[in-house]
């Protein structure tokens, strides 16, 4: 019979034996001086894939194809496979179980060919994208050709264009005599003469201080009371836009579009405004320099004339003679402008640091307008500066936050040279109620000019072109 007490005493006096784990046994057997080499560097076109031993023979695969080469250069693009990473080998004398586990964990090679490991790193290539058969060879070549052309986009480029555009100050060149009455009327309005209705005198004085008698309008207009309520709202919204540093789109919707509606509604739809921020000029009408063409510049608004039915029939008859891509009376195929002759163009900016950009945009857009008039109605005569006809002139306005500033685009030398003349004429603004009354009067003055002078001259040319 076993003596349990004696057995327990014997166990307590026995020294414990260290457990021999396979991991420690393996680590002790591997030479400490042998280090694994660094892994191969990876680039942006590699995918790391650590694969274990395969149980079946590897099938032969077609070589990879680079995404940057065409089919003719596939063979040259194939890279040789990188060398396999060396494996650690077990040392003799290791325990059988520990050695097998260590070999499996380190990916050691076995004698059977079927268990040869895959490459640790493998570069993966993707086939080059192929264009559909419907894409013509000409469109493919034009894509590469367009990349080789840098567009004519700044003022220096425009000055060196085939038909150059020069930006000039008012004192540097004569102004077209046909516009002298319009400019003088706008200058009187800019001084505030007769712009404030009698019913708005108190509100204007309370906002801006002393009211000058010359500001008061001689006679009331039926829309004065309604306009005053709208202008008070616009002034409030414009101040909020400035204080919150709003973007151009917010200024257009909350301040610029409302004042255009207020000012032009007295024409009962004969003269109207269009938001044309998405209207692109036809490329044929853009400035060029040799094989290069100007970058298409978009503007924000156009003040245009709405033709009556008889006038629209003449316009439609004239446009039937034009190819489809030019079947428009303006420089753009935007629906609103195809049968509405543009008289004045406007570009808006939400800050004061974009004056040159606004002038460049208006310069390219107005150039396209005058080129369209030339191709549709015939070229203008080569006359001395200042003697240009009304069809060789296009009024333009650039807006910087509150301020609306007048300029002119004039075709000269028979349409082979253009002058963008900055009048520095501030025709009103949205910063105060007084400035809004000035702007209302200025826009109405421009609307009357478009209806009573510009459009009749243009319509006569349209009828002559239809008869010819």
Protein backbone atom coordinates (compact mmCIF):
# COMPACT_ATOMS: atom_id res chain seq x y z
CA UNK A 1 0.00 0.00 0.00
CA UNK A 2 1.21 3.45 -0.85
CA UNK A 3 2.33 5.73 1.93
CA UNK A 4 0.79 9.04 0.82
CA UNK A 5 2.50 11.11 3.51
CA UNK A 6 5.93 9.83 2.54
CA UNK A 7 5.21 10.54 -1.14
CA UNK A 8 4.19 14.13 -0.43
CA UNK A 9 7.36 14.69 1.61
CA UNK A 10 9.43 13.33 -1.23
CA UNK A 11 7.72 15.71 -3.74
CA UNK A 12 8.48 18.74 -1.56
CA UNK A 13 12.19 17.91 -1.46
CA UNK A 14 12.45 17.44 -5.22
CA UNK A 15 13.94 20.35 -7.24
CA UNK A 16 11.58 21.62 -9.99
CA UNK A 17 12.57 20.86 -13.55
CA UNK A 18 12.45 23.73 -16.09
CA UNK A 19 9.89 23.30 -18.80
CA UNK A 20 11.39 23.15 -22.24
CA UNK A 21 9.11 25.11 -24.59
CA UNK A 22 9.48 24.64 -28.29
CA UNK A 23 9.77 28.36 -28.84
CA UNK A 24 12.71 28.82 -26.47
CA UNK A 25 14.34 25.70 -27.78
CA UNK A 26 14.09 26.99 -31.33
CA UNK A 27 15.39 30.42 -30.41
CA UNK A 28 18.38 28.93 -28.69
CA UNK A 29 19.20 26.75 -31.65
CA UNK A 30 19.16 29.56 -34.21
CA UNK A 31 22.47 31.28 -34.62
CA UNK A 32 22.26 34.76 -33.12
CA UNK A 33 24.72 36.19 -35.62
CA UNK A 34 22.55 35.33 -38.60
CA UNK A 35 20.14 38.19 -39.34
CA UNK A 36 17.38 38.30 -41.82
CA UNK A 37 18.07 40.71 -44.67
CA UNK A 38 15.89 43.79 -45.02
CA UNK A 39 12.75 43.46 -47.02
CA UNK A 40 12.60 44.90 -50.51
CA UNK A 41 11.50 48.54 -50.75
CA UNK A 42 7.96 49.09 -51.85
CA UNK A 43 6.77 51.76 -54.25
CA UNK A 44 3.34 53.14 -55.00
CA UNK A 45 2.64 50.41 -57.59
CA UNK A 46 3.38 47.39 -55.41
CA UNK A 47 1.09 45.29 -53.29
CA UNK A 48 2.54 43.37 -50.39
CA UNK A 49 1.30 39.84 -50.17
CA UNK A 50 2.77 37.27 -47.79
CA UNK A 51 1.81 33.90 -49.03
CA UNK A 52 2.34 30.56 -47.49
CA UNK A 53 3.43 27.39 -49.20
CA UNK A 54 1.24 26.25 -52.03
CA UNK A 55 -0.04 22.71 -52.10
CA UNK A 56 -0.29 22.49 -55.87
CA UNK A 57 2.16 23.45 -58.64
CA UNK A 58 2.00 27.12 -59.68
CA UNK A 59 0.35 27.71 -62.99
CA UNK A 60 2.12 29.86 -65.55
CA UNK A 61 0.54 33.31 -65.87
CA UNK A 62 0.84 35.86 -68.63
CA UNK A 63 3.29 38.69 -67.89
CA UNK A 64 1.93 41.86 -66.26
CA UNK A 65 1.01 44.89 -68.33
CA UNK A 66 1.90 48.45 -67.31
CA UNK A 67 -0.83 51.07 -67.21
CA UNK A 68 1.49 53.69 -68.69
CA UNK A 69 2.48 51.94 -71.93
CA UNK A 70 0.54 50.96 -75.00
CA UNK A 71 0.16 47.46 -76.38
CA UNK A 72 3.28 47.73 -78.54
CA UNK A 73 5.48 48.35 -75.52
CA UNK A 74 4.10 45.64 -73.25
CA UNK A 75 7.16 43.43 -73.54
CA UNK A 76 9.51 46.24 -72.62
CA UNK A 77 7.41 47.15 -69.59
CA UNK A 78 7.58 43.73 -67.91
CA UNK A 79 9.80 43.77 -64.84
CA UNK A 80 11.87 40.76 -63.75
CA UNK A 81 10.56 39.19 -60.52
CA UNK A 82 12.44 40.27 -57.37
CA UNK A 83 14.70 37.69 -55.68
CA UNK A 84 13.15 35.56 -52.99
CA UNK A 85 13.81 36.50 -49.38
CA UNK A 86 16.33 34.18 -47.67
CA UNK A 87 14.89 31.86 -45.04
CA UNK A 88 16.27 31.01 -41.66
CA UNK A 89 17.39 27.40 -41.32
CA UNK A 90 17.01 25.27 -38.21
CA UNK A 91 20.18 24.18 -36.41
CA UNK A 92 21.03 20.53 -35.90
CA UNK A 93 20.07 19.13 -32.58
CA UNK A 94 16.78 20.96 -32.29
CA UNK A 95 13.86 19.05 -30.97
CA UNK A 96 11.81 17.43 -33.68
CA UNK A 97 8.59 19.14 -32.76
CA UNK A 98 10.26 22.48 -32.12
CA UNK A 99 12.19 22.30 -35.40
CA UNK A 100 9.11 21.55 -37.43
CA UNK A 101 7.18 24.36 -35.81
CA UNK A 102 10.04 26.80 -36.30
CA UNK A 103 10.38 25.84 -39.97
CA UNK A 104 6.67 26.31 -40.53
CA UNK A 105 6.63 29.70 -38.81
CA UNK A 106 9.69 30.97 -40.68
CA UNK A 107 8.59 29.55 -44.01
CA UNK A 108 11.58 27.22 -44.40
CA UNK A 109 11.87 25.29 -47.65
CA UNK A 110 11.10 21.61 -47.78
CA UNK A 111 12.48 19.09 -50.16
CA UNK A 112 9.27 18.53 -52.10
CA UNK A 113 8.94 20.93 -55.07
CA UNK A 114 5.24 21.44 -54.53
CA UNK A 115 5.91 23.27 -51.27
CA UNK A 116 8.24 25.92 -52.70
CA UNK A 117 7.11 29.30 -51.27
CA UNK A 118 5.77 32.11 -53.42
CA UNK A 119 7.65 35.34 -53.81
CA UNK A 120 7.24 37.48 -50.72
CA UNK A 121 6.68 40.66 -52.73
CA UNK A 122 5.13 40.82 -56.12
CA UNK A 123 4.53 43.88 -58.34
CA UNK A 124 0.98 43.99 -59.63
CA UNK A 125 0.33 45.76 -62.91
CA UNK A 126 -2.97 46.62 -64.50
CA UNK A 127 -3.81 46.56 -68.18
CA UNK A 128 -3.74 49.87 -70.02
CA UNK A 129 -7.23 51.38 -70.41
CA UNK A 130 -8.55 51.09 -73.93
CA UNK A 131 -10.73 53.69 -75.55
CA UNK A 132 -14.04 52.52 -77.00
CA UNK A 133 -14.24 51.90 -80.69
CA UNK A 134 -16.63 54.82 -81.05
CA UNK A 135 -13.85 57.28 -80.22
CA UNK A 136 -12.33 58.43 -83.48
CA UNK A 137 -8.63 58.78 -84.09
CA UNK A 138 -9.07 62.52 -84.63
CA UNK A 139 -10.56 62.96 -81.17
CA UNK A 140 -7.66 61.03 -79.66
CA UNK A 141 -5.10 63.17 -81.40
CA UNK A 142 -6.94 66.36 -80.51
CA UNK A 143 -6.76 65.44 -76.84
CA UNK A 144 -2.98 65.33 -77.03
CA UNK A 145 -2.85 68.42 -79.22
CA UNK A 146 -4.90 70.45 -76.76
CA UNK A 147 -2.47 69.60 -74.00
CA UNK A 148 0.38 71.06 -75.97
CA UNK A 149 -1.35 74.44 -76.20
CA UNK A 150 -1.25 76.87 -73.33
CA UNK A 151 -4.33 79.12 -73.50
CA UNK A 152 -4.22 82.85 -74.07
CA UNK A 153 -5.50 83.87 -70.65
CA UNK A 154 -3.88 86.94 -69.09
CA UNK A 155 -3.70 90.55 -70.21
CA UNK A 156 -0.18 90.23 -71.63
CA UNK A 157 -1.37 87.35 -73.83
CA UNK A 158 -4.38 89.39 -74.93
CA UNK A 159 -2.16 92.30 -75.95
CA UNK A 160 -0.17 89.93 -78.16
CA UNK A 161 -3.23 88.26 -79.70
CA UNK A 162 -3.83 88.32 -83.45
CA UNK A 163 -6.45 91.04 -82.82
CA UNK A 164 -4.96 92.54 -79.65
CA UNK A 165 -6.91 93.88 -76.68
CA UNK A 166 -5.38 96.88 -74.92
CA UNK A 167 -6.49 98.03 -71.48
CA UNK A 168 -6.48 101.83 -71.41
CA UNK A 169 -7.34 104.56 -68.97
CA UNK A 170 -9.90 107.16 -69.91
CA UNK A 171 -7.33 109.91 -70.44
CA UNK A 172 -5.19 107.73 -72.75
CA UNK A 173 -7.61 107.50 -75.67
CA UNK A 174 -10.58 109.35 -77.20
CA UNK A 175 -13.99 108.06 -76.17
CA UNK A 176 -16.50 107.17 -78.91
CA UNK A 177 -18.55 110.27 -79.64
CA UNK A 178 -21.69 108.19 -80.03
CA UNK A 179 -21.53 107.47 -76.28
CA UNK A 180 -20.88 111.00 -75.04
CA UNK A 181 -24.55 111.66 -74.12
CA UNK A 182 -24.75 108.36 -72.21
CA UNK A 183 -21.52 109.00 -70.31
CA UNK A 184 -22.54 112.55 -69.39
CA UNK A 185 -25.89 111.34 -68.09
CA UNK A 186 -24.18 108.68 -65.97
CA UNK A 187 -21.75 111.25 -64.57
CA UNK A 188 -24.66 113.43 -63.45
CA UNK A 189 -26.22 110.44 -61.73
CA UNK A 190 -22.90 109.58 -60.06
CA UNK A 191 -22.94 113.09 -58.55
CA UNK A 192 -26.36 112.31 -57.11
CA UNK A 193 -28.28 114.84 -59.17
CA UNK A 194 -32.03 114.13 -59.10
CA UNK A 195 -31.78 110.48 -58.00
CA UNK A 196 -33.71 110.41 -54.68
CA UNK A 197 -37.54 110.50 -54.79
CA UNK A 198 -39.24 112.96 -52.47
CA UNK A 199 -40.81 110.16 -50.42
CA UNK A 200 -37.31 108.74 -49.70
CA UNK A 201 -35.74 112.01 -48.59
CA UNK A 202 -36.22 111.41 -44.86
CA UNK A 203 -34.98 107.81 -44.95
CA UNK A 204 -31.93 108.77 -47.00
CA UNK A 205 -31.10 111.68 -44.69
CA UNK A 206 -31.43 109.59 -41.52
CA UNK A 207 -28.99 107.05 -42.91
CA UNK A 208 -26.38 109.31 -44.50
CA UNK A 209 -26.55 112.64 -42.68
CA UNK A 210 -27.23 115.95 -44.43
CA UNK A 211 -29.45 115.71 -47.49
CA UNK A 212 -28.40 117.93 -50.40
CA UNK A 213 -31.23 119.57 -52.35
CA UNK A 214 -29.76 118.57 -55.72
CA UNK A 215 -30.26 114.90 -54.84
CA UNK A 216 -34.05 115.21 -54.91
CA UNK A 217 -35.77 114.02 -58.08
CA UNK A 218 -37.79 116.60 -60.02
CA UNK A 219 -40.81 114.39 -60.51
CA UNK A 220 -42.03 111.19 -58.82
CA UNK A 221 -42.18 107.80 -60.50
CA UNK A 222 -45.12 105.39 -59.99
CA UNK A 223 -42.81 102.70 -58.60
CA UNK A 224 -40.96 104.94 -56.10
CA UNK A 225 -42.74 103.71 -52.97
CA UNK A 226 -42.40 100.06 -53.89
CA UNK A 227 -38.78 100.57 -54.93
CA UNK A 228 -37.92 102.26 -51.62
CA UNK A 229 -39.11 99.23 -49.62
CA UNK A 230 -37.06 96.92 -51.83
CA UNK A 231 -33.95 99.11 -51.66
CA UNK A 232 -34.10 99.25 -47.86
CA UNK A 233 -34.07 95.44 -47.81
CA UNK A 234 -31.19 95.28 -50.31
CA UNK A 235 -29.12 97.76 -48.26
CA UNK A 236 -29.65 95.67 -45.12
CA UNK A 237 -28.78 92.41 -46.90
CA UNK A 238 -25.68 93.91 -48.54
CA UNK A 239 -24.29 95.06 -45.20
CA UNK A 240 -24.86 91.58 -43.82
CA UNK A 241 -23.07 90.03 -46.81
CA UNK A 242 -20.06 92.27 -46.23
CA UNK A 243 -19.86 91.67 -42.48
CA UNK A 244 -20.08 87.88 -42.89
CA UNK A 245 -17.58 87.84 -45.78
CA UNK A 246 -19.95 86.02 -48.12
CA UNK A 247 -18.93 84.53 -51.48
CA UNK A 248 -19.76 85.87 -54.93
CA UNK A 249 -22.78 83.61 -55.39
CA UNK A 250 -24.37 84.98 -52.22
CA UNK A 251 -23.78 88.57 -53.35
CA UNK A 252 -25.38 87.78 -56.71
CA UNK A 253 -28.51 86.24 -55.24
CA UNK A 254 -29.03 88.59 -52.28
CA UNK A 255 -27.87 91.97 -53.62
CA UNK A 256 -27.02 92.15 -57.34
CA UNK A 257 -29.99 90.30 -58.81
CA UNK A 258 -32.52 92.19 -56.66
CA UNK A 259 -31.22 95.65 -57.65
CA UNK A 260 -31.23 94.66 -61.33
CA UNK A 261 -34.87 93.58 -60.99
CA UNK A 262 -35.84 96.81 -59.22
CA UNK A 263 -34.07 99.03 -61.75
CA UNK A 264 -35.24 97.33 -64.96
CA UNK A 265 -38.84 96.46 -64.13
CA UNK A 266 -39.91 99.93 -65.24
CA UNK A 267 -39.21 98.83 -68.84
CA UNK A 268 -42.00 96.22 -68.54
CA UNK A 269 -39.86 93.41 -69.94
CA UNK A 270 -38.53 95.23 -72.99
CA UNK A 271 -35.10 95.39 -71.34
CA UNK A 272 -34.25 92.62 -68.91
CA UNK A 273 -31.29 90.99 -67.21
CA UNK A 274 -30.10 87.40 -67.35
CA UNK A 275 -27.86 85.51 -64.96
CA UNK A 276 -25.37 83.99 -67.42
CA UNK A 277 -22.78 82.43 -65.12
CA UNK A 278 -23.01 79.19 -67.16
CA UNK A 279 -23.07 80.78 -70.63
CA UNK A 280 -19.87 79.95 -72.51
CA UNK A 281 -18.80 81.95 -75.56
CA UNK A 282 -18.49 80.08 -78.84
CA UNK A 283 -14.77 79.22 -79.30
CA UNK A 284 -14.69 80.69 -82.81
CA UNK A 285 -15.25 84.17 -81.35
CA UNK A 286 -12.46 84.03 -78.75
CA UNK A 287 -9.13 85.87 -79.15
CA UNK A 288 -6.37 83.83 -80.81
CA UNK A 289 -2.62 83.93 -81.11
CA UNK A 290 -1.53 81.65 -83.91
CA UNK A 291 -2.85 78.14 -83.17
CA UNK A 292 -3.76 79.02 -79.60
CA UNK A 293 -7.09 80.42 -78.48
CA UNK A 294 -8.01 82.35 -75.38
CA UNK A 295 -9.38 80.64 -72.34
CA UNK A 296 -13.17 80.97 -72.33
CA UNK A 297 -14.18 83.58 -69.77
CA UNK A 298 -17.63 83.64 -68.24
CA UNK A 299 -19.37 86.67 -66.76
CA UNK A 300 -22.30 87.00 -64.39
CA UNK A 301 -25.01 89.10 -66.02
CA UNK A 302 -26.20 90.39 -69.36
CA UNK A 303 -28.65 93.23 -69.89
CA UNK A 304 -30.51 92.36 -73.08
CA UNK A 305 -33.39 93.54 -75.25
CA UNK A 306 -36.52 91.42 -75.61
CA UNK A 307 -37.59 91.57 -79.29
CA UNK A 308 -41.22 91.91 -80.26
CA UNK A 309 -42.77 89.30 -82.63
CA UNK A 310 -41.81 91.14 -85.83
CA UNK A 311 -38.25 91.67 -84.63
CA UNK A 312 -37.98 88.04 -83.56
CA UNK A 313 -39.08 86.87 -87.02
CA UNK A 314 -36.25 88.85 -88.60
CA UNK A 315 -33.78 87.42 -86.08
CA UNK A 316 -34.95 83.86 -86.77
CA UNK A 317 -34.77 84.40 -90.53
CA UNK A 318 -31.20 85.66 -90.23
CA UNK A 319 -30.09 82.80 -87.98
CA UNK A 320 -31.40 80.19 -90.44
CA UNK A 321 -28.52 81.19 -92.70
CA UNK A 322 -25.99 80.36 -89.98
CA UNK A 323 -24.53 76.91 -89.24
CA UNK A 324 -26.08 75.18 -86.25
CA UNK A 325 -23.25 75.94 -83.85
CA UNK A 326 -23.62 79.67 -84.64
CA UNK A 327 -27.42 79.87 -84.62
CA UNK A 328 -27.48 82.60 -82.00
CA UNK A 329 -27.63 86.37 -82.12
CA UNK A 330 -25.14 86.63 -79.26
CA UNK A 331 -21.68 85.17 -78.66
CA UNK A 332 -23.12 82.21 -76.72
CA UNK A 333 -25.57 79.41 -77.45
CA UNK A 334 -27.11 79.74 -73.99
CA UNK A 335 -30.88 79.54 -74.50
CA UNK A 336 -31.60 82.92 -72.93
CA UNK A 337 -29.18 84.69 -75.26
CA UNK A 338 -29.96 83.06 -78.61
CA UNK A 339 -32.70 85.54 -79.57
CA UNK A 340 -32.10 88.29 -76.98
CA UNK A 341 -29.48 90.82 -78.19
CA UNK A 342 -26.99 91.60 -75.42
CA UNK A 343 -26.45 95.34 -74.86
CA UNK A 344 -24.41 95.45 -71.61
CA UNK A 345 -22.33 92.83 -69.76
CA UNK A 346 -21.59 92.69 -66.02
CA UNK A 347 -18.97 90.79 -63.99
CA UNK A 348 -19.19 90.69 -60.19
CA UNK A 349 -16.55 90.01 -57.54
CA UNK A 350 -16.98 89.56 -53.80
CA UNK A 351 -13.70 91.30 -52.91
CA UNK A 352 -11.58 94.25 -53.99
CA UNK A 353 -8.52 92.21 -54.95
CA UNK A 354 -9.91 90.83 -58.22
CA UNK A 355 -10.06 93.95 -60.40
CA UNK A 356 -7.62 92.70 -63.04
CA UNK A 357 -9.36 89.32 -63.19
CA UNK A 358 -12.74 90.98 -63.69
CA UNK A 359 -11.34 93.19 -66.46
CA UNK A 360 -9.79 90.20 -68.22
CA UNK A 361 -13.05 88.26 -68.06
CA UNK A 362 -15.04 91.18 -69.40
CA UNK A 363 -12.40 91.85 -72.06
CA UNK A 364 -12.61 88.32 -73.50
CA UNK A 365 -16.41 88.21 -73.25
CA UNK A 366 -16.88 91.63 -74.89
CA UNK A 367 -14.35 90.71 -77.59
CA UNK A 368 -16.48 87.66 -78.40
CA UNK A 369 -19.59 89.87 -78.53
CA UNK A 370 -18.03 92.30 -81.02
CA UNK A 371 -16.69 89.42 -83.13
CA UNK A 372 -20.18 87.93 -83.25
CA UNK A 373 -21.61 91.26 -84.44
CA UNK A 374 -18.94 91.37 -87.17
CA UNK A 375 -19.62 87.83 -88.43
CA UNK A 376 -23.40 88.29 -88.28
CA UNK A 377 -23.87 91.87 -89.48
CA UNK A 378 -20.65 92.65 -91.32
CA UNK A 379 -17.43 94.44 -90.32
CA UNK A 380 -17.27 98.02 -89.12
CA UNK A 381 -15.44 100.71 -91.06
CA UNK A 382 -11.88 101.64 -90.18
CA UNK A 383 -12.33 105.09 -88.65
CA UNK A 384 -10.15 107.25 -86.37
CA UNK A 385 -10.45 106.62 -82.60
CA UNK A 386 -13.50 108.39 -81.25
CA UNK A 387 -15.48 108.10 -84.49
CA UNK A 388 -16.67 104.52 -83.97
CA UNK A 389 -20.31 103.63 -84.57
CA UNK A 390 -22.59 102.41 -81.81
CA UNK A 391 -22.27 98.81 -83.08
CA UNK A 392 -18.51 98.92 -82.46
CA UNK A 393 -19.02 99.66 -78.75
CA UNK A 394 -20.04 97.40 -75.87
CA UNK A 395 -20.59 98.89 -72.38
CA UNK A 396 -19.27 96.69 -69.56
CA UNK A 397 -19.57 96.95 -65.77
CA UNK A 398 -17.37 95.33 -63.14
CA UNK A 399 -18.69 95.06 -59.59
CA UNK A 400 -16.54 94.83 -56.46
CA UNK A 401 -18.66 94.11 -53.41
CA UNK A 402 -20.82 97.26 -53.19
CA UNK A 403 -19.29 99.33 -56.01
CA UNK A 404 -20.47 99.25 -59.64
CA UNK A 405 -17.88 100.70 -62.06
CA UNK A 406 -18.41 101.50 -65.74
CA UNK A 407 -16.03 100.66 -68.62
CA UNK A 408 -16.20 100.31 -72.42
CA UNK A 409 -15.03 97.80 -75.01
CA UNK A 410 -14.41 99.38 -78.43
CA UNK A 411 -13.54 97.69 -81.74
CA UNK A 412 -11.03 99.74 -83.75
CA UNK A 413 -9.20 99.56 -87.07
CA UNK A 414 -12.00 97.62 -88.70
CA UNK A 415 -12.16 95.07 -85.89
CA UNK A 416 -8.44 94.21 -85.95
CA UNK A 417 -7.71 95.93 -82.64
CA UNK A 418 -9.70 96.41 -79.44
CA UNK A 419 -9.57 98.90 -76.58
CA UNK A 420 -10.93 98.14 -73.10
CA UNK A 421 -11.34 101.62 -71.59
CA UNK A 422 -11.78 101.90 -67.83
CA UNK A 423 -13.87 105.03 -67.27
CA UNK A 424 -13.44 104.80 -63.48
CA UNK A 425 -17.06 105.90 -63.39
CA UNK A 426 -18.77 104.68 -60.23
CA UNK A 427 -22.42 104.49 -61.23
CA UNK A 428 -23.74 103.55 -57.78
CA UNK A 429 -23.58 100.72 -55.29
CA UNK A 430 -25.26 98.74 -52.55
CA UNK A 431 -23.42 100.18 -49.55
CA UNK A 432 -26.04 102.79 -48.63
CA UNK A 433 -29.52 103.90 -49.57
CA UNK A 434 -28.19 106.93 -51.46
CA UNK A 435 -25.83 104.71 -53.52
CA UNK A 436 -28.73 102.38 -54.30
CA UNK A 437 -30.81 105.30 -55.62
CA UNK A 438 -27.86 106.24 -57.83
CA UNK A 439 -27.54 102.66 -59.07
CA UNK A 440 -31.25 102.43 -59.82
CA UNK A 441 -31.04 105.61 -61.90
CA UNK A 442 -27.85 104.48 -63.71
CA UNK A 443 -29.25 101.07 -64.66
CA UNK A 444 -32.46 102.68 -65.92
CA UNK A 445 -30.37 105.11 -67.98
CA UNK A 446 -28.44 102.19 -69.50
CA UNK A 447 -31.71 100.35 -70.15
CA UNK A 448 -33.12 103.33 -72.05
CA UNK A 449 -29.91 103.58 -74.08
CA UNK A 450 -30.18 99.87 -74.98
CA UNK A 451 -33.84 100.20 -76.00
CA UNK A 452 -33.79 103.57 -77.74
CA UNK A 453 -30.35 103.75 -79.35
CA UNK A 454 -28.44 100.46 -79.42
CA UNK A 455 -31.24 98.09 -80.43
CA UNK A 456 -32.69 100.30 -83.23
CA UNK A 457 -29.23 100.57 -84.82
CA UNK A 458 -28.74 96.82 -84.55
CA UNK A 459 -32.21 96.02 -85.86
CA UNK A 460 -31.60 98.10 -89.00
CA UNK A 461 -28.50 96.03 -89.70
CA UNK A 462 -30.45 92.80 -89.11
CA UNK A 463 -33.13 93.80 -91.62
CA UNK A 464 -30.47 94.77 -94.15
CA UNK A 465 -28.74 91.41 -93.71
CA UNK A 466 -32.05 89.57 -94.17
CA UNK A 467 -32.79 91.51 -97.35
CA UNK A 468 -29.34 90.81 -98.73
